[in-house]
Amino acid sequence: MNLDAAPDAEAYVADLQSALITPLDRECLVCYLLRMVGEFGCDGTHRWTLRWRELSAPRATALLRRLANRGGCCCDCEVLMNVYPERLPEDDSAPLPRCAGISRRGSTAPCKGVP
């Protein structure tokens, strides 16, 4: 086994991980949360909400407070279930619709996607 390849393999895995959990171009918070919670689950925190905010809307410093005021106080799945219940798919096995995109970088408004 070539131990010199280990740093390259680790860098490749880190790059792949980053690509998998990075918001897509103009992806809204709701579509991002649906994708991340569906793929990786909810760990009882706002880890996906915070990642989206960090990369897509860094100036939205009151985002967590606004979501908490609407029922998404503790974690990402609460944001989906309590703040955006109309956006939850009726059939868990159905593929997620493509995000219609946010109107401008930094917007925290959900896209005009389904429904």
C-alpha atoms as a PDB file:
ATOM      1  CA  MET A   1       0.000   0.000   0.000  1.00  0.00           C
ATOM      2  CA  ASN A   2       1.312   3.419  -0.959  1.00  0.00           C
ATOM      3  CA  LEU A   3       1.122   5.687   2.089  1.00  0.00           C
ATOM      4  CA  ASP A   4       2.181   8.661  -0.030  1.00  0.00           C
ATOM      5  CA  ALA A   5      -1.261   8.552  -1.659  1.00  0.00           C
ATOM      6  CA  ALA A   6      -3.083   8.996   1.673  1.00  0.00           C
ATOM      7  CA  PRO A   7      -2.992  12.830   1.675  1.00  0.00           C
ATOM      8  CA  ASP A   8      -4.290  12.865  -1.913  1.00  0.00           C
ATOM      9  CA  ALA A   9      -7.097  10.470  -1.002  1.00  0.00           C
ATOM     10  CA  GLU A  10      -7.998  12.526   2.067  1.00  0.00           C
ATOM     11  CA  ALA A  11      -8.074  15.717  -0.001  1.00  0.00           C
ATOM     12  CA  TYR A  12     -10.265  14.003  -2.592  1.00  0.00           C
ATOM     13  CA  VAL A  13     -12.725  12.832   0.074  1.00  0.00           C
ATOM     14  CA  ALA A  14     -12.798  16.311   1.665  1.00  0.00           C
ATOM     15  CA  ASP A  15     -13.477  17.909  -1.736  1.00  0.00           C
ATOM     16  CA  LEU A  16     -16.215  15.388  -2.453  1.00  0.00           C
ATOM     17  CA  GLN A  17     -17.814  15.956   0.949  1.00  0.00           C
ATOM     18  CA  SER A  18     -17.741  19.710   0.442  1.00  0.00           C
ATOM     19  CA  ALA A  19     -19.353  19.373  -2.994  1.00  0.00           C
ATOM     20  CA  LEU A  20     -22.121  17.154  -1.615  1.00  0.00           C
ATOM     21  CA  ILE A  21     -23.104  19.520   1.193  1.00  0.00           C
ATOM     22  CA  THR A  22     -22.628  22.856  -0.578  1.00  0.00           C
ATOM     23  CA  PRO A  23     -25.826  24.620  -1.646  1.00  0.00           C
ATOM     24  CA  LEU A  24     -26.427  24.501  -5.373  1.00  0.00           C
ATOM     25  CA  ASP A  25     -26.313  27.721  -7.371  1.00  0.00           C
ATOM     26  CA  ARG A  26     -29.299  29.890  -6.271  1.00  0.00           C
ATOM     27  CA  GLU A  27     -30.732  27.003  -4.185  1.00  0.00           C
ATOM     28  CA  CYS A  28     -33.188  28.299  -1.580  1.00  0.00           C
ATOM     29  CA  LEU A  29     -33.011  27.321   2.091  1.00  0.00           C
ATOM     30  CA  VAL A  30     -36.092  25.087   1.918  1.00  0.00           C
ATOM     31  CA  CYS A  31     -34.861  23.062  -1.061  1.00  0.00           C
ATOM     32  CA  TYR A  32     -31.410  22.798   0.511  1.00  0.00           C
ATOM     33  CA  LEU A  33     -32.890  21.543   3.799  1.00  0.00           C
ATOM     34  CA  LEU A  34     -35.090  19.031   1.987  1.00  0.00           C
ATOM     35  CA  ARG A  35     -32.034  17.726   0.146  1.00  0.00           C
ATOM     36  CA  MET A  36     -29.687  17.636   3.168  1.00  0.00           C
ATOM     37  CA  VAL A  37     -32.140  16.247   5.739  1.00  0.00           C
ATOM     38  CA  GLY A  38     -33.318  13.704   3.179  1.00  0.00           C
ATOM     39  CA  GLU A  39     -29.776  12.607   2.360  1.00  0.00           C
ATOM     40  CA  PHE A  40     -27.965  12.960   5.689  1.00  0.00           C
ATOM     41  CA  GLY A  41     -30.703  13.324   8.305  1.00  0.00           C
ATOM     42  CA  CYS A  42     -31.209  15.799  11.102  1.00  0.00           C
ATOM     43  CA  ASP A  43     -28.830  15.765  14.051  1.00  0.00           C
ATOM     44  CA  GLY A  44     -31.069  17.877  16.313  1.00  0.00           C
ATOM     45  CA  THR A  45     -29.305  21.141  15.425  1.00  0.00           C
ATOM     46  CA  HIS A  46     -29.486  23.782  12.722  1.00  0.00           C
ATOM     47  CA  ARG A  47     -26.291  22.513  11.074  1.00  0.00           C
ATOM     48  CA  TRP A  48     -27.750  22.601   7.530  1.00  0.00           C
ATOM     49  CA  THR A  49     -29.523  25.927   8.055  1.00  0.00           C
ATOM     50  CA  LEU A  50     -26.293  27.435   9.340  1.00  0.00           C
ATOM     51  CA  ARG A  51     -24.259  25.967   6.467  1.00  0.00           C
ATOM     52  CA  TRP A  52     -26.727  27.385   3.931  1.00  0.00           C
ATOM     53  CA  ARG A  53     -26.672  30.788   5.631  1.00  0.00           C
ATOM     54  CA  GLU A  54     -22.866  30.820   5.777  1.00  0.00           C
ATOM     55  CA  LEU A  55     -22.540  30.120   2.059  1.00  0.00           C
ATOM     56  CA  SER A  56     -25.680  31.674   0.568  1.00  0.00           C
ATOM     57  CA  ALA A  57     -26.828  34.510   2.835  1.00  0.00           C
ATOM     58  CA  PRO A  58     -24.058  35.429   5.291  1.00  0.00           C
ATOM     59  CA  ARG A  59     -25.648  38.778   6.131  1.00  0.00           C
ATOM     60  CA  ALA A  60     -28.894  37.091   7.304  1.00  0.00           C
ATOM     61  CA  THR A  61     -27.821  37.130  10.933  1.00  0.00           C
ATOM     62  CA  ALA A  62     -31.420  37.054  12.231  1.00  0.00           C
ATOM     63  CA  LEU A  63     -32.393  33.982  10.193  1.00  0.00           C
ATOM     64  CA  LEU A  64     -32.392  31.522  13.108  1.00  0.00           C
ATOM     65  CA  ARG A  65     -34.428  33.891  15.272  1.00  0.00           C
ATOM     66  CA  ARG A  66     -37.000  34.402  12.502  1.00  0.00           C
ATOM     67  CA  LEU A  67     -37.272  30.647  11.946  1.00  0.00           C
ATOM     68  CA  ALA A  68     -37.565  30.023  15.701  1.00  0.00           C
ATOM     69  CA  ASN A  69     -40.390  32.553  15.929  1.00  0.00           C
ATOM     70  CA  ARG A  70     -42.254  30.488  13.326  1.00  0.00           C
ATOM     71  CA  GLY A  71     -41.683  27.136  15.063  1.00  0.00           C
ATOM     72  CA  GLY A  72     -38.250  26.088  13.787  1.00  0.00           C
ATOM     73  CA  CYS A  73     -36.511  26.673  17.093  1.00  0.00           C
ATOM     74  CA  CYS A  74     -34.349  23.628  17.606  1.00  0.00           C
ATOM     75  CA  CYS A  75     -33.295  21.888  14.405  1.00  0.00           C
ATOM     76  CA  ASP A  76     -33.446  21.639  10.629  1.00  0.00           C
ATOM     77  CA  CYS A  77     -36.313  19.159  10.528  1.00  0.00           C
ATOM     78  CA  GLU A  78     -38.392  21.475  12.741  1.00  0.00           C
ATOM     79  CA  VAL A  79     -37.791  24.251  10.224  1.00  0.00           C
ATOM     80  CA  LEU A  80     -39.183  21.986   7.508  1.00  0.00           C
ATOM     81  CA  MET A  81     -42.088  20.573   9.539  1.00  0.00           C
ATOM     82  CA  ASN A  82     -43.184  23.767  11.306  1.00  0.00           C
ATOM     83  CA  VAL A  83     -42.096  26.675   9.123  1.00  0.00           C
ATOM     84  CA  TYR A  84     -42.510  25.174   5.646  1.00  0.00           C
ATOM     85  CA  PRO A  85     -44.873  22.178   6.048  1.00  0.00           C
ATOM     86  CA  GLU A  86     -46.467  22.845   2.653  1.00  0.00           C
ATOM     87  CA  ARG A  87     -43.123  22.106   1.006  1.00  0.00           C
ATOM     88  CA  LEU A  88     -42.734  18.610   2.464  1.00  0.00           C
ATOM     89  CA  PRO A  89     -43.192  15.908  -0.176  1.00  0.00           C
ATOM     90  CA  GLU A  90     -46.321  13.796   0.257  1.00  0.00           C
ATOM     91  CA  ASP A  91     -44.438  10.688  -0.846  1.00  0.00           C
ATOM     92  CA  ASP A  92     -41.012  10.163   0.761  1.00  0.00           C
ATOM     93  CA  SER A  93     -39.908   7.949  -2.118  1.00  0.00           C
ATOM     94  CA  ALA A  94     -40.629  10.576  -4.793  1.00  0.00           C
ATOM     95  CA  PRO A  95     -37.643  12.540  -6.098  1.00  0.00           C
ATOM     96  CA  LEU A  96     -37.385  16.110  -4.878  1.00  0.00           C
ATOM     97  CA  PRO A  97     -38.417  18.764  -7.381  1.00  0.00           C
ATOM     98  CA  ARG A  98     -35.647  20.949  -8.756  1.00  0.00           C
ATOM     99  CA  CYS A  99     -35.289  24.221  -6.854  1.00  0.00           C
ATOM    100  CA  ALA A 100     -36.721  27.176  -8.788  1.00  0.00           C
ATOM    101  CA  GLY A 101     -33.960  29.325  -7.285  1.00  0.00           C
ATOM    102  CA  ILE A 102     -33.800  32.448  -5.186  1.00  0.00           C
ATOM    103  CA  SER A 103     -34.263  35.784  -6.894  1.00  0.00           C
ATOM    104  CA  ARG A 104     -31.006  37.277  -5.653  1.00  0.00           C
ATOM    105  CA  ARG A 105     -27.943  36.149  -3.740  1.00  0.00           C
ATOM    106  CA  GLY A 106     -28.501  36.583  -0.026  1.00  0.00           C
ATOM    107  CA  SER A 107     -32.283  36.193  -0.157  1.00  0.00           C
ATOM    108  CA  THR A 108     -33.724  33.943   2.539  1.00  0.00           C
ATOM    109  CA  ALA A 109     -37.136  33.687   0.867  1.00  0.00           C
ATOM    110  CA  PRO A 110     -38.043  30.212  -0.378  1.00  0.00           C
ATOM    111  CA  CYS A 111     -38.216  29.623  -4.102  1.00  0.00           C
ATOM    112  CA  LYS A 112     -41.539  29.476  -5.890  1.00  0.00           C
ATOM    113  CA  GLY A 113     -41.201  25.702  -6.292  1.00  0.00           C
ATOM    114  CA  VAL A 114     -43.738  22.979  -5.612  1.00  0.00           C
ATOM    115  CA  PRO A 115     -46.259  23.496  -4.179  1.00  0.00           C
END
